[in-house]
Every structure is written in C-alpha cells, then in structure tokens.
Amino acid sequence: MSGFGTFSVVKRKARIGRNPKTGEAIRILMHSTMN
C-alpha cells in the first residue's frame, strides 16, 4: 500500500446545493477537507 497515509488539506469553495428530500436550495459554506 504505497503512499497510504499521505493526505493533504483541500479547500472547497462555497456553493449552492439541494436538499435531496425537499429539493430546496441550500447554501454550502466554504470548508476544508482531507484529500
């Protein structure tokens, strides 16, 4: 398993998403995640 445990932080931009249950548009704020 070469490279396992090598992670980097990625910033995700704010965007508009949808609630799958209601179809209502929701705002998703900018956040950081692991890649």
PDB file of N, CA and C in Angstrom:
ATOM      1  N   MET A   1       0.847  -1.179   0.000  1.00  0.00           N
ATOM      2  CA  MET A   1       0.000   0.000   0.000  1.00  0.00           C
ATOM      3  C   MET A   1       0.890   1.240   0.000  1.00  0.00           C
ATOM      4  N   SER A   2       1.494   1.472  -1.112  1.00  0.00           N
ATOM      5  CA  SER A   2       2.390   2.603  -1.267  1.00  0.00           C
ATOM      6  C   SER A   2       1.628   3.918  -1.189  1.00  0.00           C
ATOM      7  N   GLY A   3       2.153   4.875  -0.424  1.00  0.00           N
ATOM      8  CA  GLY A   3       1.537   6.194  -0.333  1.00  0.00           C
ATOM      9  C   GLY A   3       0.387   6.278   0.649  1.00  0.00           C
ATOM     10  N   PHE A   4       0.039   5.164   1.315  1.00  0.00           N
ATOM     11  CA  PHE A   4      -1.060   5.210   2.280  1.00  0.00           C
ATOM     12  C   PHE A   4      -0.654   6.093   3.448  1.00  0.00           C
ATOM     13  N   GLY A   5      -1.552   6.963   3.877  1.00  0.00           N
ATOM     14  CA  GLY A   5      -1.267   7.866   4.980  1.00  0.00           C
ATOM     15  C   GLY A   5      -0.718   9.204   4.526  1.00  0.00           C
ATOM     16  N   THR A   6      -0.667   9.430   3.231  1.00  0.00           N
ATOM     17  CA  THR A   6      -0.238  10.717   2.702  1.00  0.00           C
ATOM     18  C   THR A   6      -1.484  11.507   2.319  1.00  0.00           C
ATOM     19  N   PHE A   7      -1.785  12.520   3.109  1.00  0.00           N
ATOM     20  CA  PHE A   7      -3.006  13.293   2.901  1.00  0.00           C
ATOM     21  C   PHE A   7      -2.660  14.762   2.729  1.00  0.00           C
ATOM     22  N   SER A   8      -3.555  15.501   2.123  1.00  0.00           N
ATOM     23  CA  SER A   8      -3.387  16.946   2.011  1.00  0.00           C
ATOM     24  C   SER A   8      -4.730  17.612   2.279  1.00  0.00           C
ATOM     25  N   VAL A   9      -4.669  18.864   2.732  1.00  0.00           N
ATOM     26  CA  VAL A   9      -5.884  19.625   3.016  1.00  0.00           C
ATOM     27  C   VAL A   9      -6.313  20.349   1.747  1.00  0.00           C
ATOM     28  N   VAL A  10      -7.584  20.230   1.413  1.00  0.00           N
ATOM     29  CA  VAL A  10      -8.139  20.868   0.225  1.00  0.00           C
ATOM     30  C   VAL A  10      -9.253  21.803   0.673  1.00  0.00           C
ATOM     31  N   LYS A  11      -9.259  23.023   0.154  1.00  0.00           N
ATOM     32  CA  LYS A  11     -10.333  23.967   0.472  1.00  0.00           C
ATOM     33  C   LYS A  11     -11.420  23.858  -0.578  1.00  0.00           C
ATOM     34  N   ARG A  12     -12.639  23.628  -0.138  1.00  0.00           N
ATOM     35  CA  ARG A  12     -13.792  23.550  -1.037  1.00  0.00           C
ATOM     36  C   ARG A  12     -14.486  24.908  -1.046  1.00  0.00           C
ATOM     37  N   LYS A  13     -14.812  25.406  -2.233  1.00  0.00           N
ATOM     38  CA  LYS A  13     -15.479  26.698  -2.358  1.00  0.00           C
ATOM     39  C   LYS A  13     -16.921  26.611  -1.883  1.00  0.00           C
ATOM     40  N   ALA A  14     -17.465  27.753  -1.485  1.00  0.00           N
ATOM     41  CA  ALA A  14     -18.881  27.829  -1.136  1.00  0.00           C
ATOM     42  C   ALA A  14     -19.695  27.591  -2.399  1.00  0.00           C
ATOM     43  N   ARG A  15     -20.832  26.942  -2.250  1.00  0.00           N
ATOM     44  CA  ARG A  15     -21.659  26.644  -3.422  1.00  0.00           C
ATOM     45  C   ARG A  15     -23.105  26.453  -2.995  1.00  0.00           C
ATOM     46  N   ILE A  16     -23.967  26.344  -3.978  1.00  0.00           N
ATOM     47  CA  ILE A  16     -25.381  26.081  -3.738  1.00  0.00           C
ATOM     48  C   ILE A  16     -25.623  24.589  -3.935  1.00  0.00           C
ATOM     49  N   GLY A  17     -26.249  23.965  -2.945  1.00  0.00           N
ATOM     50  CA  GLY A  17     -26.596  22.551  -3.031  1.00  0.00           C
ATOM     51  C   GLY A  17     -28.104  22.396  -2.926  1.00  0.00           C
ATOM     52  N   ARG A  18     -28.568  21.167  -2.937  1.00  0.00           N
ATOM     53  CA  ARG A  18     -30.001  20.900  -2.826  1.00  0.00           C
ATOM     54  C   ARG A  18     -30.256  19.856  -1.760  1.00  0.00           C
ATOM     55  N   ASN A  19     -31.312  20.077  -0.984  1.00  0.00           N
ATOM     56  CA  ASN A  19     -31.769  19.079  -0.030  1.00  0.00           C
ATOM     57  C   ASN A  19     -32.436  17.984  -0.853  1.00  0.00           C
ATOM     58  N   PRO A  20     -31.904  16.747  -0.839  1.00  0.00           N
ATOM     59  CA  PRO A  20     -32.472  15.697  -1.688  1.00  0.00           C
ATOM     60  C   PRO A  20     -33.907  15.319  -1.324  1.00  0.00           C
ATOM     61  N   LYS A  21     -34.279  15.554  -0.079  1.00  0.00           N
ATOM     62  CA  LYS A  21     -35.632  15.201   0.368  1.00  0.00           C
ATOM     63  C   LYS A  21     -36.677  16.195  -0.138  1.00  0.00           C
ATOM     64  N   THR A  22     -36.349  17.500  -0.025  1.00  0.00           N
ATOM     65  CA  THR A  22     -37.330  18.533  -0.362  1.00  0.00           C
ATOM     66  C   THR A  22     -37.043  19.235  -1.689  1.00  0.00           C
ATOM     67  N   GLY A  23     -35.796  19.127  -2.176  1.00  0.00           N
ATOM     68  CA  GLY A  23     -35.424  19.834  -3.395  1.00  0.00           C
ATOM     69  C   GLY A  23     -35.095  21.295  -3.150  1.00  0.00           C
ATOM     70  N   GLU A  24     -35.149  21.714  -1.887  1.00  0.00           N
ATOM     71  CA  GLU A  24     -34.886  23.103  -1.531  1.00  0.00           C
ATOM     72  C   GLU A  24     -33.404  23.430  -1.720  1.00  0.00           C
ATOM     73  N   ALA A  25     -33.115  24.614  -2.279  1.00  0.00           N
ATOM     74  CA  ALA A  25     -31.739  25.064  -2.456  1.00  0.00           C
ATOM     75  C   ALA A  25     -31.178  25.472  -1.099  1.00  0.00           C
ATOM     76  N   ILE A  26     -29.949  25.029  -0.814  1.00  0.00           N
ATOM     77  CA  ILE A  26     -29.290  25.394   0.435  1.00  0.00           C
ATOM     78  C   ILE A  26     -27.884  25.876   0.123  1.00  0.00           C
ATOM     79  N   ARG A  27     -27.378  26.776   0.958  1.00  0.00           N
ATOM     80  CA  ARG A  27     -26.036  27.316   0.773  1.00  0.00           C
ATOM     81  C   ARG A  27     -25.044  26.445   1.534  1.00  0.00           C
ATOM     82  N   ILE A  28     -24.012  25.982   0.853  1.00  0.00           N
ATOM     83  CA  ILE A  28     -22.951  25.206   1.477  1.00  0.00           C
ATOM     84  C   ILE A  28     -21.747  26.131   1.598  1.00  0.00           C
ATOM     85  N   LEU A  29     -21.300  26.369   2.815  1.00  0.00           N
ATOM     86  CA  LEU A  29     -20.213  27.302   3.064  1.00  0.00           C
ATOM     87  C   LEU A  29     -18.868  26.708   2.666  1.00  0.00           C
ATOM     88  N   MET A  30     -17.879  27.590   2.455  1.00  0.00           N
ATOM     89  CA  MET A  30     -16.528  27.142   2.175  1.00  0.00           C
ATOM     90  C   MET A  30     -16.014  26.349   3.372  1.00  0.00           C
ATOM     91  N   HIS A  31     -15.302  25.258   3.115  1.00  0.00           N
ATOM     92  CA  HIS A  31     -14.730  24.467   4.198  1.00  0.00           C
ATOM     93  C   HIS A  31     -13.492  23.725   3.718  1.00  0.00           C
ATOM     94  N   SER A  32     -12.716  23.238   4.662  1.00  0.00           N
ATOM     95  CA  SER A  32     -11.518  22.457   4.355  1.00  0.00           C
ATOM     96  C   SER A  32     -11.824  20.988   4.578  1.00  0.00           C
ATOM     97  N   THR A  33     -11.230  20.138   3.764  1.00  0.00           N
ATOM     98  CA  THR A  33     -11.426  18.698   3.882  1.00  0.00           C
ATOM     99  C   THR A  33     -10.111  17.995   3.570  1.00  0.00           C
ATOM    100  N   MET A  34     -10.029  16.737   3.894  1.00  0.00           N
ATOM    101  CA  MET A  34      -8.828  15.950   3.606  1.00  0.00           C
ATOM    102  C   MET A  34      -8.965  15.298   2.238  1.00  0.00           C
ATOM    103  N   ASN A  35      -7.837  15.192   1.548  1.00  0.00           N
ATOM    104  CA  ASN A  35      -7.831  14.537   0.243  1.00  0.00           C
ATOM    105  C   ASN A  35      -6.778  13.461   0.249  1.00  0.00           C
TER     106      ASN A  35
END
